[in-house]
mmCIF file of all heavy atoms, coordinates in Angstrom:
data_MODEL
# 
_entry.id   MODEL 
# 
loop_
_atom_site.group_PDB 
_atom_site.id 
_atom_site.type_symbol 
_atom_site.label_atom_id 
_atom_site.label_alt_id 
_atom_site.label_comp_id 
_atom_site.label_asym_id 
_atom_site.label_entity_id 
_atom_site.label_seq_id 
_atom_site.pdbx_PDB_ins_code 
_atom_site.Cartn_x 
_atom_site.Cartn_y 
_atom_site.Cartn_z 
_atom_site.occupancy 
_atom_site.B_iso_or_equiv 
_atom_site.pdbx_formal_charge 
_atom_site.auth_seq_id 
_atom_site.auth_comp_id 
_atom_site.auth_asym_id 
_atom_site.auth_atom_id 
_atom_site.pdbx_PDB_model_num 
ATOM 1   N N   . PRO A 1 1  ? 145.601 -83.671  55.529 1.00 0.00 ? 1  PRO A N   1 
ATOM 2   C CA  . PRO A 1 1  ? 146.440 -82.576  55.820 1.00 0.00 ? 1  PRO A CA  1 
ATOM 3   C C   . PRO A 1 1  ? 147.837 -83.036  56.019 1.00 0.00 ? 1  PRO A C   1 
ATOM 4   O O   . PRO A 1 1  ? 148.220 -83.978  56.666 1.00 0.00 ? 1  PRO A O   1 
ATOM 5   C CB  . PRO A 1 1  ? 145.942 -81.803  57.074 1.00 0.00 ? 1  PRO A CB  1 
ATOM 6   C CG  . PRO A 1 1  ? 144.502 -82.338  57.121 1.00 0.00 ? 1  PRO A CG  1 
ATOM 7   C CD  . PRO A 1 1  ? 144.477 -83.737  56.534 1.00 0.00 ? 1  PRO A CD  1 
ATOM 8   N N   . CYS A 1 2  ? 148.822 -82.246  55.264 1.00 0.00 ? 2  CYS A N   1 
ATOM 9   C CA  . CYS A 1 2  ? 150.196 -82.567  55.329 1.00 0.00 ? 2  CYS A CA  1 
ATOM 10  C C   . CYS A 1 2  ? 150.657 -83.904  54.950 1.00 0.00 ? 2  CYS A C   1 
ATOM 11  O O   . CYS A 1 2  ? 151.722 -84.340  55.367 1.00 0.00 ? 2  CYS A O   1 
ATOM 12  C CB  . CYS A 1 2  ? 150.745 -82.040  56.707 1.00 0.00 ? 2  CYS A CB  1 
ATOM 13  S SG  . CYS A 1 2  ? 150.431 -80.403  57.084 1.00 0.00 ? 2  CYS A SG  1 
ATOM 14  N N   . LEU A 1 3  ? 149.710 -84.702  54.323 1.00 0.00 ? 3  LEU A N   1 
ATOM 15  C CA  . LEU A 1 3  ? 150.011 -86.101  53.939 1.00 0.00 ? 3  LEU A CA  1 
ATOM 16  C C   . LEU A 1 3  ? 150.200 -86.931  55.240 1.00 0.00 ? 3  LEU A C   1 
ATOM 17  O O   . LEU A 1 3  ? 151.009 -87.922  55.062 1.00 0.00 ? 3  LEU A O   1 
ATOM 18  C CB  . LEU A 1 3  ? 151.167 -86.193  53.042 1.00 0.00 ? 3  LEU A CB  1 
ATOM 19  C CG  . LEU A 1 3  ? 151.049 -85.440  51.776 1.00 0.00 ? 3  LEU A CG  1 
ATOM 20  C CD1 . LEU A 1 3  ? 152.184 -85.754  50.795 1.00 0.00 ? 3  LEU A CD1 1 
ATOM 21  C CD2 . LEU A 1 3  ? 149.735 -85.528  51.024 1.00 0.00 ? 3  LEU A CD2 1 
ATOM 22  N N   . GLU A 1 4  ? 149.658 -86.703  56.297 1.00 0.00 ? 4  GLU A N   1 
ATOM 23  C CA  . GLU A 1 4  ? 149.855 -87.365  57.534 1.00 0.00 ? 4  GLU A CA  1 
ATOM 24  C C   . GLU A 1 4  ? 148.648 -88.137  57.869 1.00 0.00 ? 4  GLU A C   1 
ATOM 25  O O   . GLU A 1 4  ? 147.452 -87.812  57.501 1.00 0.00 ? 4  GLU A O   1 
ATOM 26  C CB  . GLU A 1 4  ? 150.156 -86.345  58.776 1.00 0.00 ? 4  GLU A CB  1 
ATOM 27  C CG  . GLU A 1 4  ? 151.443 -85.538  58.570 1.00 0.00 ? 4  GLU A CG  1 
ATOM 28  C CD  . GLU A 1 4  ? 151.614 -84.562  59.740 1.00 0.00 ? 4  GLU A CD  1 
ATOM 29  O OE1 . GLU A 1 4  ? 150.847 -84.414  60.631 1.00 0.00 ? 4  GLU A OE1 1 
ATOM 30  O OE2 . GLU A 1 4  ? 152.709 -83.834  59.648 1.00 0.00 ? 4  GLU A OE2 1 
ATOM 31  N N   . GLY A 1 5  ? 148.835 -89.196  58.655 1.00 0.00 ? 5  GLY A N   1 
ATOM 32  C CA  . GLY A 1 5  ? 147.788 -90.090  59.222 1.00 0.00 ? 5  GLY A CA  1 
ATOM 33  C C   . GLY A 1 5  ? 147.077 -90.942  58.155 1.00 0.00 ? 5  GLY A C   1 
ATOM 34  O O   . GLY A 1 5  ? 145.903 -91.337  58.350 1.00 0.00 ? 5  GLY A O   1 
ATOM 35  N N   . GLN A 1 6  ? 147.881 -91.238  57.067 1.00 0.00 ? 6  GLN A N   1 
ATOM 36  C CA  . GLN A 1 6  ? 147.147 -91.992  55.929 1.00 0.00 ? 6  GLN A CA  1 
ATOM 37  C C   . GLN A 1 6  ? 146.661 -93.379  56.238 1.00 0.00 ? 6  GLN A C   1 
ATOM 38  O O   . GLN A 1 6  ? 145.590 -93.785  55.906 1.00 0.00 ? 6  GLN A O   1 
ATOM 39  C CB  . GLN A 1 6  ? 148.192 -92.087  54.833 1.00 0.00 ? 6  GLN A CB  1 
ATOM 40  C CG  . GLN A 1 6  ? 147.654 -92.845  53.539 1.00 0.00 ? 6  GLN A CG  1 
ATOM 41  C CD  . GLN A 1 6  ? 148.647 -93.119  52.473 1.00 0.00 ? 6  GLN A CD  1 
ATOM 42  O OE1 . GLN A 1 6  ? 149.776 -93.419  52.754 1.00 0.00 ? 6  GLN A OE1 1 
ATOM 43  N NE2 . GLN A 1 6  ? 148.176 -92.946  51.183 1.00 0.00 ? 6  GLN A NE2 1 
ATOM 44  N N   . THR A 1 7  ? 147.494 -94.147  57.081 1.00 0.00 ? 7  THR A N   1 
ATOM 45  C CA  . THR A 1 7  ? 147.056 -95.574  57.408 1.00 0.00 ? 7  THR A CA  1 
ATOM 46  C C   . THR A 1 7  ? 145.706 -95.598  58.106 1.00 0.00 ? 7  THR A C   1 
ATOM 47  O O   . THR A 1 7  ? 144.753 -96.289  57.734 1.00 0.00 ? 7  THR A O   1 
ATOM 48  C CB  . THR A 1 7  ? 148.147 -96.250  58.173 1.00 0.00 ? 7  THR A CB  1 
ATOM 49  O OG1 . THR A 1 7  ? 149.331 -96.319  57.368 1.00 0.00 ? 7  THR A OG1 1 
ATOM 50  C CG2 . THR A 1 7  ? 147.720 -97.638  58.515 1.00 0.00 ? 7  THR A CG2 1 
ATOM 51  N N   . ASN A 1 8  ? 145.551 -94.932  59.250 1.00 0.00 ? 8  ASN A N   1 
ATOM 52  C CA  . ASN A 1 8  ? 144.446 -94.952  59.986 1.00 0.00 ? 8  ASN A CA  1 
ATOM 53  C C   . ASN A 1 8  ? 143.202 -94.288  59.231 1.00 0.00 ? 8  ASN A C   1 
ATOM 54  O O   . ASN A 1 8  ? 141.969 -94.719  59.354 1.00 0.00 ? 8  ASN A O   1 
ATOM 55  C CB  . ASN A 1 8  ? 144.552 -94.234  61.370 1.00 0.00 ? 8  ASN A CB  1 
ATOM 56  C CG  . ASN A 1 8  ? 145.120 -95.195  62.342 1.00 0.00 ? 8  ASN A CG  1 
ATOM 57  O OD1 . ASN A 1 8  ? 145.379 -96.442  62.112 1.00 0.00 ? 8  ASN A OD1 1 
ATOM 58  N ND2 . ASN A 1 8  ? 145.540 -94.619  63.503 1.00 0.00 ? 8  ASN A ND2 1 
ATOM 59  N N   . PHE A 1 9  ? 143.561 -93.202  58.480 1.00 0.00 ? 9  PHE A N   1 
ATOM 60  C CA  . PHE A 1 9  ? 142.475 -92.723  57.527 1.00 0.00 ? 9  PHE A CA  1 
ATOM 61  C C   . PHE A 1 9  ? 141.917 -93.770  56.614 1.00 0.00 ? 9  PHE A C   1 
ATOM 62  O O   . PHE A 1 9  ? 140.743 -93.847  56.459 1.00 0.00 ? 9  PHE A O   1 
ATOM 63  C CB  . PHE A 1 9  ? 142.880 -91.464  56.880 1.00 0.00 ? 9  PHE A CB  1 
ATOM 64  C CG  . PHE A 1 9  ? 141.956 -91.042  55.621 1.00 0.00 ? 9  PHE A CG  1 
ATOM 65  C CD1 . PHE A 1 9  ? 140.771 -90.670  55.955 1.00 0.00 ? 9  PHE A CD1 1 
ATOM 66  C CD2 . PHE A 1 9  ? 142.346 -91.261  54.251 1.00 0.00 ? 9  PHE A CD2 1 
ATOM 67  C CE1 . PHE A 1 9  ? 139.816 -90.567  54.859 1.00 0.00 ? 9  PHE A CE1 1 
ATOM 68  C CE2 . PHE A 1 9  ? 141.525 -91.090  53.297 1.00 0.00 ? 9  PHE A CE2 1 
ATOM 69  C CZ  . PHE A 1 9  ? 140.303 -90.682  53.546 1.00 0.00 ? 9  PHE A CZ  1 
ATOM 70  N N   . MET A 1 10 ? 142.892 -94.422  55.976 1.00 0.00 ? 10 MET A N   1 
ATOM 71  C CA  . MET A 1 10 ? 142.484 -95.486  54.977 1.00 0.00 ? 10 MET A CA  1 
ATOM 72  C C   . MET A 1 10 ? 141.617 -96.593  55.596 1.00 0.00 ? 10 MET A C   1 
ATOM 73  O O   . MET A 1 10 ? 140.676 -96.990  54.942 1.00 0.00 ? 10 MET A O   1 
ATOM 74  C CB  . MET A 1 10 ? 143.643 -96.002  54.276 1.00 0.00 ? 10 MET A CB  1 
ATOM 75  C CG  . MET A 1 10 ? 144.335 -94.934  53.337 1.00 0.00 ? 10 MET A CG  1 
ATOM 76  S SD  . MET A 1 10 ? 145.802 -95.661  52.432 1.00 0.00 ? 10 MET A SD  1 
ATOM 77  C CE  . MET A 1 10 ? 144.961 -96.534  51.075 1.00 0.00 ? 10 MET A CE  1 
ATOM 78  N N   . LYS A 1 11 ? 141.961 -96.966  56.774 1.00 0.00 ? 11 LYS A N   1 
ATOM 79  C CA  . LYS A 1 11 ? 141.161 -97.965  57.511 1.00 0.00 ? 11 LYS A CA  1 
ATOM 80  C C   . LYS A 1 11 ? 139.715 -97.448  57.700 1.00 0.00 ? 11 LYS A C   1 
ATOM 81  O O   . LYS A 1 11 ? 138.779 -98.069  57.637 1.00 0.00 ? 11 LYS A O   1 
ATOM 82  C CB  . LYS A 1 11 ? 141.866 -98.266  58.810 1.00 0.00 ? 11 LYS A CB  1 
ATOM 83  C CG  . LYS A 1 11 ? 143.098 -99.047  58.673 1.00 0.00 ? 11 LYS A CG  1 
ATOM 84  C CD  . LYS A 1 11 ? 143.749 -99.371  59.920 1.00 0.00 ? 11 LYS A CD  1 
ATOM 85  C CE  . LYS A 1 11 ? 145.120 -100.221 59.869 1.00 0.00 ? 11 LYS A CE  1 
ATOM 86  N NZ  . LYS A 1 11 ? 145.758 -100.376 61.198 1.00 0.00 ? 11 LYS A NZ  1 
ATOM 87  N N   . ALA A 1 12 ? 139.721 -96.194  58.196 1.00 0.00 ? 12 ALA A N   1 
ATOM 88  C CA  . ALA A 1 12 ? 138.333 -95.485  58.569 1.00 0.00 ? 12 ALA A CA  1 
ATOM 89  C C   . ALA A 1 12 ? 137.669 -95.433  57.148 1.00 0.00 ? 12 ALA A C   1 
ATOM 90  O O   . ALA A 1 12 ? 136.327 -95.720  57.073 1.00 0.00 ? 12 ALA A O   1 
ATOM 91  C CB  . ALA A 1 12 ? 138.450 -94.160  59.151 1.00 0.00 ? 12 ALA A CB  1 
ATOM 92  N N   . ALA A 1 13 ? 138.220 -94.986  56.193 1.00 0.00 ? 13 ALA A N   1 
ATOM 93  C CA  . ALA A 1 13 ? 137.624 -94.628  54.859 1.00 0.00 ? 13 ALA A CA  1 
ATOM 94  C C   . ALA A 1 13 ? 137.147 -95.972  54.213 1.00 0.00 ? 13 ALA A C   1 
ATOM 95  O O   . ALA A 1 13 ? 136.061 -95.981  53.595 1.00 0.00 ? 13 ALA A O   1 
ATOM 96  C CB  . ALA A 1 13 ? 138.558 -93.925  53.917 1.00 0.00 ? 13 ALA A CB  1 
ATOM 97  N N   . SER A 1 14 ? 137.841 -97.020  54.416 1.00 0.00 ? 14 SER A N   1 
ATOM 98  C CA  . SER A 1 14 ? 137.476 -98.337  53.860 1.00 0.00 ? 14 SER A CA  1 
ATOM 99  C C   . SER A 1 14 ? 136.038 -98.784  54.508 1.00 0.00 ? 14 SER A C   1 
ATOM 100 O O   . SER A 1 14 ? 135.250 -99.260  53.851 1.00 0.00 ? 14 SER A O   1 
ATOM 101 C CB  . SER A 1 14 ? 138.593 -99.328  54.010 1.00 0.00 ? 14 SER A CB  1 
ATOM 102 O OG  . SER A 1 14 ? 138.156 -100.615 53.504 1.00 0.00 ? 14 SER A OG  1 
ATOM 103 N N   . ASP A 1 15 ? 136.055 -98.673  55.773 1.00 0.00 ? 15 ASP A N   1 
ATOM 104 C CA  . ASP A 1 15 ? 134.916 -99.006  56.571 1.00 0.00 ? 15 ASP A CA  1 
ATOM 105 C C   . ASP A 1 15 ? 133.685 -98.122  56.024 1.00 0.00 ? 15 ASP A C   1 
ATOM 106 O O   . ASP A 1 15 ? 132.495 -98.568  56.100 1.00 0.00 ? 15 ASP A O   1 
ATOM 107 C CB  . ASP A 1 15 ? 135.035 -98.751  58.037 1.00 0.00 ? 15 ASP A CB  1 
ATOM 108 C CG  . ASP A 1 15 ? 136.115 -99.779  58.623 1.00 0.00 ? 15 ASP A CG  1 
ATOM 109 O OD1 . ASP A 1 15 ? 136.263 -100.883 58.025 1.00 0.00 ? 15 ASP A OD1 1 
ATOM 110 O OD2 . ASP A 1 15 ? 136.451 -99.567  59.920 1.00 0.00 ? 15 ASP A OD2 1 
ATOM 111 N N   . LEU A 1 16 ? 133.884 -96.947  55.645 1.00 0.00 ? 16 LEU A N   1 
ATOM 112 C CA  . LEU A 1 16 ? 132.853 -95.950  55.302 1.00 0.00 ? 16 LEU A CA  1 
ATOM 113 C C   . LEU A 1 16 ? 132.506 -95.980  53.765 1.00 0.00 ? 16 LEU A C   1 
ATOM 114 O O   . LEU A 1 16 ? 131.579 -95.183  53.359 1.00 0.00 ? 16 LEU A O   1 
ATOM 115 C CB  . LEU A 1 16 ? 133.197 -94.463  55.681 1.00 0.00 ? 16 LEU A CB  1 
ATOM 116 C CG  . LEU A 1 16 ? 133.409 -94.319  57.161 1.00 0.00 ? 16 LEU A CG  1 
ATOM 117 C CD1 . LEU A 1 16 ? 133.975 -92.796  57.431 1.00 0.00 ? 16 LEU A CD1 1 
ATOM 118 C CD2 . LEU A 1 16 ? 132.067 -94.467  57.913 1.00 0.00 ? 16 LEU A CD2 1 
ATOM 119 N N   . GLY A 1 17 ? 133.183 -96.936  53.081 1.00 0.00 ? 17 GLY A N   1 
ATOM 120 C CA  . GLY A 1 17 ? 132.732 -97.048  51.579 1.00 0.00 ? 17 GLY A CA  1 
ATOM 121 C C   . GLY A 1 17 ? 133.480 -96.083  50.619 1.00 0.00 ? 17 GLY A C   1 
ATOM 122 O O   . GLY A 1 17 ? 133.016 -96.057  49.482 1.00 0.00 ? 17 GLY A O   1 
ATOM 123 N N   . PHE A 1 18 ? 134.562 -95.464  51.145 1.00 0.00 ? 18 PHE A N   1 
ATOM 124 C CA  . PHE A 1 18 ? 135.289 -94.624  50.125 1.00 0.00 ? 18 PHE A CA  1 
ATOM 125 C C   . PHE A 1 18 ? 135.935 -95.598  49.202 1.00 0.00 ? 18 PHE A C   1 
ATOM 126 O O   . PHE A 1 18 ? 136.190 -96.788  49.412 1.00 0.00 ? 18 PHE A O   1 
ATOM 127 C CB  . PHE A 1 18 ? 136.409 -93.840  50.958 1.00 0.00 ? 18 PHE A CB  1 
ATOM 128 C CG  . PHE A 1 18 ? 135.936 -92.629  51.622 1.00 0.00 ? 18 PHE A CG  1 
ATOM 129 C CD1 . PHE A 1 18 ? 134.772 -92.565  52.346 1.00 0.00 ? 18 PHE A CD1 1 
ATOM 130 C CD2 . PHE A 1 18 ? 136.835 -91.410  51.553 1.00 0.00 ? 18 PHE A CD2 1 
ATOM 131 C CE1 . PHE A 1 18 ? 134.384 -91.436  52.965 1.00 0.00 ? 18 PHE A CE1 1 
ATOM 132 C CE2 . PHE A 1 18 ? 136.365 -90.299  52.237 1.00 0.00 ? 18 PHE A CE2 1 
ATOM 133 C CZ  . PHE A 1 18 ? 135.257 -90.188  52.901 1.00 0.00 ? 18 PHE A CZ  1 
ATOM 134 N N   . ARG A 1 19 ? 136.402 -94.943  48.060 1.00 0.00 ? 19 ARG A N   1 
ATOM 135 C CA  . ARG A 1 19 ? 136.949 -95.843  47.051 1.00 0.00 ? 19 ARG A CA  1 
ATOM 136 C C   . ARG A 1 19 ? 138.433 -95.496  46.716 1.00 0.00 ? 19 ARG A C   1 
ATOM 137 O O   . ARG A 1 19 ? 139.149 -96.307  46.001 1.00 0.00 ? 19 ARG A O   1 
ATOM 138 C CB  . ARG A 1 19 ? 136.154 -95.602  45.698 1.00 0.00 ? 19 ARG A CB  1 
ATOM 139 C CG  . ARG A 1 19 ? 134.785 -96.099  45.947 1.00 0.00 ? 19 ARG A CG  1 
ATOM 140 C CD  . ARG A 1 19 ? 133.865 -95.705  44.577 1.00 0.00 ? 19 ARG A CD  1 
ATOM 141 N NE  . ARG A 1 19 ? 134.547 -96.202  43.408 1.00 0.00 ? 19 ARG A NE  1 
ATOM 142 C CZ  . ARG A 1 19 ? 134.181 -95.861  42.182 1.00 0.00 ? 19 ARG A CZ  1 
ATOM 143 N NH1 . ARG A 1 19 ? 133.333 -94.756  42.039 1.00 0.00 ? 19 ARG A NH1 1 
ATOM 144 N NH2 . ARG A 1 19 ? 134.880 -96.302  41.127 1.00 0.00 ? 19 ARG A NH2 1 
ATOM 145 N N   . TYR A 1 20 ? 138.992 -94.323  47.174 1.00 0.00 ? 20 TYR A N   1 
ATOM 146 C CA  . TYR A 1 20 ? 140.339 -94.007  46.885 1.00 0.00 ? 20 TYR A CA  1 
ATOM 147 C C   . TYR A 1 20 ? 140.907 -93.184  47.992 1.00 0.00 ? 20 TYR A C   1 
ATOM 148 O O   . TYR A 1 20 ? 140.133 -92.337  48.828 1.00 0.00 ? 20 TYR A O   1 
ATOM 149 C CB  . TYR A 1 20 ? 140.560 -93.335  45.524 1.00 0.00 ? 20 TYR A CB  1 
ATOM 150 C CG  . TYR A 1 20 ? 140.124 -91.868  45.418 1.00 0.00 ? 20 TYR A CG  1 
ATOM 151 C CD1 . TYR A 1 20 ? 140.988 -90.932  45.835 1.00 0.00 ? 20 TYR A CD1 1 
ATOM 152 C CD2 . TYR A 1 20 ? 138.810 -91.647  45.080 1.00 0.00 ? 20 TYR A CD2 1 
ATOM 153 C CE1 . TYR A 1 20 ? 140.552 -89.622  45.764 1.00 0.00 ? 20 TYR A CE1 1 
ATOM 154 C CE2 . TYR A 1 20 ? 138.487 -90.296  44.951 1.00 0.00 ? 20 TYR A CE2 1 
ATOM 155 C CZ  . TYR A 1 20 ? 139.344 -89.349  45.374 1.00 0.00 ? 20 TYR A CZ  1 
ATOM 156 O OH  . TYR A 1 20 ? 138.751 -87.980  45.362 1.00 0.00 ? 20 TYR A OH  1 
ATOM 157 N N   . ASP A 1 21 ? 142.223 -93.064  48.085 1.00 0.00 ? 21 ASP A N   1 
ATOM 158 C CA  . ASP A 1 21 ? 142.964 -92.077  48.849 1.00 0.00 ? 21 ASP A CA  1 
ATOM 159 C C   . ASP A 1 21 ? 144.077 -91.541  48.093 1.00 0.00 ? 21 ASP A C   1 
ATOM 160 O O   . ASP A 1 21 ? 144.741 -92.131  47.263 1.00 0.00 ? 21 ASP A O   1 
ATOM 161 C CB  . ASP A 1 21 ? 143.519 -92.813  50.194 1.00 0.00 ? 21 ASP A CB  1 
ATOM 162 C CG  . ASP A 1 21 ? 144.489 -91.785  50.945 1.00 0.00 ? 21 ASP A CG  1 
ATOM 163 O OD1 . ASP A 1 21 ? 144.070 -90.891  51.460 1.00 0.00 ? 21 ASP A OD1 1 
ATOM 164 O OD2 . ASP A 1 21 ? 145.621 -92.114  50.858 1.00 0.00 ? 21 ASP A OD2 1 
ATOM 165 N N   . THR A 1 22 ? 144.486 -90.305  48.335 1.00 0.00 ? 22 THR A N   1 
ATOM 166 C CA  . THR A 1 22 ? 145.545 -89.626  47.637 1.00 0.00 ? 22 THR A CA  1 
ATOM 167 C C   . THR A 1 22 ? 146.522 -88.828  48.660 1.00 0.00 ? 22 THR A C   1 
ATOM 168 O O   . THR A 1 22 ? 146.842 -87.674  48.343 1.00 0.00 ? 22 THR A O   1 
ATOM 169 C CB  . THR A 1 22 ? 145.104 -88.666  46.458 1.00 0.00 ? 22 THR A CB  1 
ATOM 170 O OG1 . THR A 1 22 ? 146.275 -88.126  45.719 1.00 0.00 ? 22 THR A OG1 1 
ATOM 171 C CG2 . THR A 1 22 ? 144.156 -87.727  46.985 1.00 0.00 ? 22 THR A CG2 1 
ATOM 172 N N   . SER A 1 23 ? 146.918 -89.600  49.740 1.00 0.00 ? 23 SER A N   1 
ATOM 173 C CA  . SER A 1 23 ? 147.626 -88.901  50.764 1.00 0.00 ? 23 SER A CA  1 
ATOM 174 C C   . SER A 1 23 ? 149.071 -89.284  50.931 1.00 0.00 ? 23 SER A C   1 
ATOM 175 O O   . SER A 1 23 ? 149.657 -89.022  51.954 1.00 0.00 ? 23 SER A O   1 
ATOM 176 C CB  . SER A 1 23 ? 146.820 -89.164  52.187 1.00 0.00 ? 23 SER A CB  1 
ATOM 177 O OG  . SER A 1 23 ? 145.492 -88.777  52.120 1.00 0.00 ? 23 SER A OG  1 
ATOM 178 N N   . GLY A 1 24 ? 149.570 -90.002  49.915 1.00 0.00 ? 24 GLY A N   1 
ATOM 179 C CA  . GLY A 1 24 ? 150.877 -90.516  50.158 1.00 0.00 ? 24 GLY A CA  1 
ATOM 180 C C   . GLY A 1 24 ? 151.939 -90.004  49.015 1.00 0.00 ? 24 GLY A C   1 
ATOM 181 O O   . GLY A 1 24 ? 151.534 -88.970  48.345 1.00 0.00 ? 24 GLY A O   1 
ATOM 182 N N   . VAL A 1 25 ? 152.937 -90.645  48.915 1.00 0.00 ? 25 VAL A N   1 
ATOM 183 C CA  . VAL A 1 25 ? 154.047 -90.269  47.886 1.00 0.00 ? 25 VAL A CA  1 
ATOM 184 C C   . VAL A 1 25 ? 154.293 -91.646  47.092 1.00 0.00 ? 25 VAL A C   1 
ATOM 185 O O   . VAL A 1 25 ? 154.690 -92.558  47.597 1.00 0.00 ? 25 VAL A O   1 
ATOM 186 C CB  . VAL A 1 25 ? 155.202 -89.763  48.518 1.00 0.00 ? 25 VAL A CB  1 
ATOM 187 C CG1 . VAL A 1 25 ? 156.365 -89.449  47.425 1.00 0.00 ? 25 VAL A CG1 1 
ATOM 188 C CG2 . VAL A 1 25 ? 155.114 -88.539  49.361 1.00 0.00 ? 25 VAL A CG2 1 
ATOM 189 N N   . ASN A 1 26 ? 154.030 -91.544  45.824 1.00 0.00 ? 26 ASN A N   1 
ATOM 190 C CA  . ASN A 1 26 ? 154.270 -92.683  44.888 1.00 0.00 ? 26 ASN A CA  1 
ATOM 191 C C   . ASN A 1 26 ? 155.304 -92.403  43.850 1.00 0.00 ? 26 ASN A C   1 
ATOM 192 O O   . ASN A 1 26 ? 155.570 -91.339  43.598 1.00 0.00 ? 26 ASN A O   1 
ATOM 193 C CB  . ASN A 1 26 ? 152.879 -93.119  44.219 1.00 0.00 ? 26 ASN A CB  1 
ATOM 194 C CG  . ASN A 1 26 ? 151.992 -93.831  45.241 1.00 0.00 ? 26 ASN A CG  1 
ATOM 195 O OD1 . ASN A 1 26 ? 152.322 -94.285  46.301 1.00 0.00 ? 26 ASN A OD1 1 
ATOM 196 N ND2 . ASN A 1 26 ? 150.688 -93.882  44.808 1.00 0.00 ? 26 ASN A ND2 1 
ATOM 197 N N   . GLU A 1 27 ? 155.806 -93.576  43.296 1.00 0.00 ? 27 GLU A N   1 
ATOM 198 C CA  . GLU A 1 27 ? 156.531 -93.452  42.039 1.00 0.00 ? 27 GLU A CA  1 
ATOM 199 C C   . GLU A 1 27 ? 155.537 -93.244  40.955 1.00 0.00 ? 27 GLU A C   1 
ATOM 200 O O   . GLU A 1 27 ? 154.229 -93.586  41.015 1.00 0.00 ? 27 GLU A O   1 
ATOM 201 C CB  . GLU A 1 27 ? 157.287 -94.710  41.855 1.00 0.00 ? 27 GLU A CB  1 
ATOM 202 C CG  . GLU A 1 27 ? 158.331 -94.923  42.925 1.00 0.00 ? 27 GLU A CG  1 
ATOM 203 C CD  . GLU A 1 27 ? 159.587 -94.087  42.756 1.00 0.00 ? 27 GLU A CD  1 
ATOM 204 O OE1 . GLU A 1 27 ? 159.650 -93.271  41.837 1.00 0.00 ? 27 GLU A OE1 1 
ATOM 205 O OE2 . GLU A 1 27 ? 160.654 -94.454  43.485 1.00 0.00 ? 27 GLU A OE2 1 
# 
């Protein structure tokens, strides 16, 4: 939500076997 909390979410998601995140701003 609102592109917030990405770092801790990614750490949790990595532990749970997720494969990607789309919560940031990229070039």
